[in-house]
Amino acid sequence: MTDERFFERLREDAAQLRYTPQDEFTWTRLAASIRSRMLSNVTVAQMLARWFRPIMASFATLAIVAALSITWIETREPAFNADSISANSLEITVDGDTYTLAE
């Protein structure tokens, strides 16, 4: 069912990406670093910081986009204004009767 040649090629291609230090000291340091991260107890403040930093970054980005959008919308020339609408009269014809609307 599986293509064994595919997995062999995948392993061969991934071998060049694998980090294999030749020095024993580097292996010891790497193992100690991983072990210390696994065994360290996370405080409540650290856990909250891990959760809130991305959320606050998202809110900050949203606030910047909103501020830029509002600035862009307010600086655009409006398509119509109340003076131009009230200056023109409007005629409506209903059932043969003509009504003129002005101001």
C-alpha atoms as a PDB file:
ATOM      1  CA  MET A   1       0.000   0.000   0.000  1.00  0.00           C
ATOM      2  CA  THR A   2       2.804   2.404   0.755  1.00  0.00           C
ATOM      3  CA  ASP A   3       5.520   3.442  -1.586  1.00  0.00           C
ATOM      4  CA  GLU A   4       8.723   2.425   0.214  1.00  0.00           C
ATOM      5  CA  ARG A   5      10.881   4.231  -2.330  1.00  0.00           C
ATOM      6  CA  PHE A   6       9.071   7.480  -1.487  1.00  0.00           C
ATOM      7  CA  PHE A   7       9.930   7.162   2.193  1.00  0.00           C
ATOM      8  CA  GLU A   8      13.558   6.308   1.364  1.00  0.00           C
ATOM      9  CA  ARG A   9      13.854   9.410  -0.812  1.00  0.00           C
ATOM     10  CA  LEU A  10      12.197  11.479   1.909  1.00  0.00           C
ATOM     11  CA  ARG A  11      14.721  10.241   4.487  1.00  0.00           C
ATOM     12  CA  GLU A  12      17.615  10.947   2.120  1.00  0.00           C
ATOM     13  CA  ASP A  13      16.377  14.477   1.431  1.00  0.00           C
ATOM     14  CA  ALA A  14      15.752  15.151   5.113  1.00  0.00           C
ATOM     15  CA  ALA A  15      19.192  13.879   6.142  1.00  0.00           C
ATOM     16  CA  GLN A  16      20.854  17.075   4.943  1.00  0.00           C
ATOM     17  CA  LEU A  17      18.465  19.116   7.114  1.00  0.00           C
ATOM     18  CA  ARG A  18      19.158  17.062  10.235  1.00  0.00           C
ATOM     19  CA  TYR A  19      21.348  18.710  12.855  1.00  0.00           C
ATOM     20  CA  THR A  20      24.058  16.269  13.881  1.00  0.00           C
ATOM     21  CA  PRO A  21      26.920  17.916  15.758  1.00  0.00           C
ATOM     22  CA  GLN A  22      30.180  15.953  15.889  1.00  0.00           C
ATOM     23  CA  ASP A  23      31.294  17.350  19.243  1.00  0.00           C
ATOM     24  CA  GLU A  24      30.260  15.472  22.403  1.00  0.00           C
ATOM     25  CA  PHE A  25      30.101  18.751  24.356  1.00  0.00           C
ATOM     26  CA  THR A  26      27.479  20.117  21.949  1.00  0.00           C
ATOM     27  CA  TRP A  27      25.343  16.988  22.392  1.00  0.00           C
ATOM     28  CA  THR A  28      25.546  17.345  26.162  1.00  0.00           C
ATOM     29  CA  ARG A  29      24.552  21.007  26.053  1.00  0.00           C
ATOM     30  CA  LEU A  30      21.687  20.319  23.661  1.00  0.00           C
ATOM     31  CA  ALA A  31      20.324  17.506  25.843  1.00  0.00           C
ATOM     32  CA  ALA A  32      20.637  19.646  28.979  1.00  0.00           C
ATOM     33  CA  SER A  33      18.836  22.537  27.335  1.00  0.00           C
ATOM     34  CA  ILE A  34      15.960  20.320  26.228  1.00  0.00           C
ATOM     35  CA  ARG A  35      15.766  18.652  29.638  1.00  0.00           C
ATOM     36  CA  SER A  36      15.696  21.995  31.476  1.00  0.00           C
ATOM     37  CA  ARG A  37      12.858  23.248  29.286  1.00  0.00           C
ATOM     38  CA  MET A  38      10.847  20.085  29.880  1.00  0.00           C
ATOM     39  CA  LEU A  39      11.327  20.085  33.641  1.00  0.00           C
ATOM     40  CA  SER A  40      10.850  23.800  34.295  1.00  0.00           C
ATOM     41  CA  ASN A  41       7.633  24.832  35.982  1.00  0.00           C
ATOM     42  CA  VAL A  42       5.859  27.674  34.269  1.00  0.00           C
ATOM     43  CA  THR A  43       4.524  30.394  36.544  1.00  0.00           C
ATOM     44  CA  VAL A  44       1.073  31.858  36.124  1.00  0.00           C
ATOM     45  CA  ALA A  45       2.559  35.150  34.930  1.00  0.00           C
ATOM     46  CA  GLN A  46       4.581  33.381  32.250  1.00  0.00           C
ATOM     47  CA  MET A  47       1.589  31.374  31.107  1.00  0.00           C
ATOM     48  CA  LEU A  48      -0.592  34.494  30.888  1.00  0.00           C
ATOM     49  CA  ALA A  49       2.152  36.346  29.034  1.00  0.00           C
ATOM     50  CA  ARG A  50       2.342  33.532  26.472  1.00  0.00           C
ATOM     51  CA  TRP A  51      -1.404  33.793  25.884  1.00  0.00           C
ATOM     52  CA  PHE A  52      -1.872  37.548  26.037  1.00  0.00           C
ATOM     53  CA  ARG A  53       1.050  38.707  23.921  1.00  0.00           C
ATOM     54  CA  PRO A  54      -0.355  37.357  20.635  1.00  0.00           C
ATOM     55  CA  ILE A  55      -3.850  38.536  21.552  1.00  0.00           C
ATOM     56  CA  MET A  56      -2.624  42.046  22.372  1.00  0.00           C
ATOM     57  CA  ALA A  57      -0.592  42.125  19.168  1.00  0.00           C
ATOM     58  CA  SER A  58      -3.734  41.235  17.221  1.00  0.00           C
ATOM     59  CA  PHE A  59      -5.743  43.953  18.970  1.00  0.00           C
ATOM     60  CA  ALA A  60      -2.992  46.494  18.356  1.00  0.00           C
ATOM     61  CA  THR A  61      -2.950  45.608  14.665  1.00  0.00           C
ATOM     62  CA  LEU A  62      -6.732  45.878  14.530  1.00  0.00           C
ATOM     63  CA  ALA A  63      -6.621  49.292  16.247  1.00  0.00           C
ATOM     64  CA  ILE A  64      -4.019  50.580  13.787  1.00  0.00           C
ATOM     65  CA  VAL A  65      -6.061  49.371  10.819  1.00  0.00           C
ATOM     66  CA  ALA A  66      -9.215  50.952  12.261  1.00  0.00           C
ATOM     67  CA  ALA A  67      -7.464  54.273  12.870  1.00  0.00           C
ATOM     68  CA  LEU A  68      -6.049  54.317   9.346  1.00  0.00           C
ATOM     69  CA  SER A  69      -9.432  53.385   7.870  1.00  0.00           C
ATOM     70  CA  ILE A  70     -11.249  56.133   9.750  1.00  0.00           C
ATOM     71  CA  THR A  71      -8.631  58.674   8.703  1.00  0.00           C
ATOM     72  CA  TRP A  72      -8.900  57.584   5.079  1.00  0.00           C
ATOM     73  CA  ILE A  73     -12.712  57.686   5.103  1.00  0.00           C
ATOM     74  CA  GLU A  74     -12.832  61.147   6.721  1.00  0.00           C
ATOM     75  CA  THR A  75     -10.348  62.691   4.280  1.00  0.00           C
ATOM     76  CA  ARG A  76     -12.223  61.530   1.188  1.00  0.00           C
ATOM     77  CA  GLU A  77     -14.506  64.007  -0.541  1.00  0.00           C
ATOM     78  CA  PRO A  78     -18.110  62.971   0.079  1.00  0.00           C
ATOM     79  CA  ALA A  79     -20.093  61.915  -2.988  1.00  0.00           C
ATOM     80  CA  PHE A  80     -22.930  64.274  -2.028  1.00  0.00           C
ATOM     81  CA  ASN A  81     -23.678  66.879   0.574  1.00  0.00           C
ATOM     82  CA  ALA A  82     -26.863  68.374   1.979  1.00  0.00           C
ATOM     83  CA  ASP A  83     -26.421  71.747   0.200  1.00  0.00           C
ATOM     84  CA  SER A  84     -26.315  70.219  -3.273  1.00  0.00           C
ATOM     85  CA  ILE A  85     -29.376  68.103  -2.547  1.00  0.00           C
ATOM     86  CA  SER A  86     -31.448  71.003  -1.196  1.00  0.00           C
ATOM     87  CA  ALA A  87     -30.433  73.346  -4.040  1.00  0.00           C
ATOM     88  CA  ASN A  88     -32.089  71.169  -6.676  1.00  0.00           C
ATOM     89  CA  SER A  89     -35.817  70.732  -6.814  1.00  0.00           C
ATOM     90  CA  LEU A  90     -37.345  67.347  -7.405  1.00  0.00           C
ATOM     91  CA  GLU A  91     -40.447  66.710  -9.476  1.00  0.00           C
ATOM     92  CA  ILE A  92     -42.551  63.620  -8.916  1.00  0.00           C
ATOM     93  CA  THR A  93     -45.388  62.645 -11.200  1.00  0.00           C
ATOM     94  CA  VAL A  94     -48.030  60.347  -9.748  1.00  0.00           C
ATOM     95  CA  ASP A  95     -51.217  59.452 -11.603  1.00  0.00           C
ATOM     96  CA  GLY A  96     -50.959  62.478 -13.858  1.00  0.00           C
ATOM     97  CA  ASP A  97     -50.351  64.957 -11.034  1.00  0.00           C
ATOM     98  CA  THR A  98     -46.939  66.620 -10.787  1.00  0.00           C
ATOM     99  CA  TYR A  99     -45.509  67.439  -7.376  1.00  0.00           C
ATOM    100  CA  THR A 100     -42.448  69.631  -6.937  1.00  0.00           C
ATOM    101  CA  LEU A 101     -40.263  69.179  -3.886  1.00  0.00           C
ATOM    102  CA  ALA A 102     -37.901  71.981  -2.976  1.00  0.00           C
ATOM    103  CA  GLU A 103     -35.981  72.535   0.245  1.00  0.00           C
END
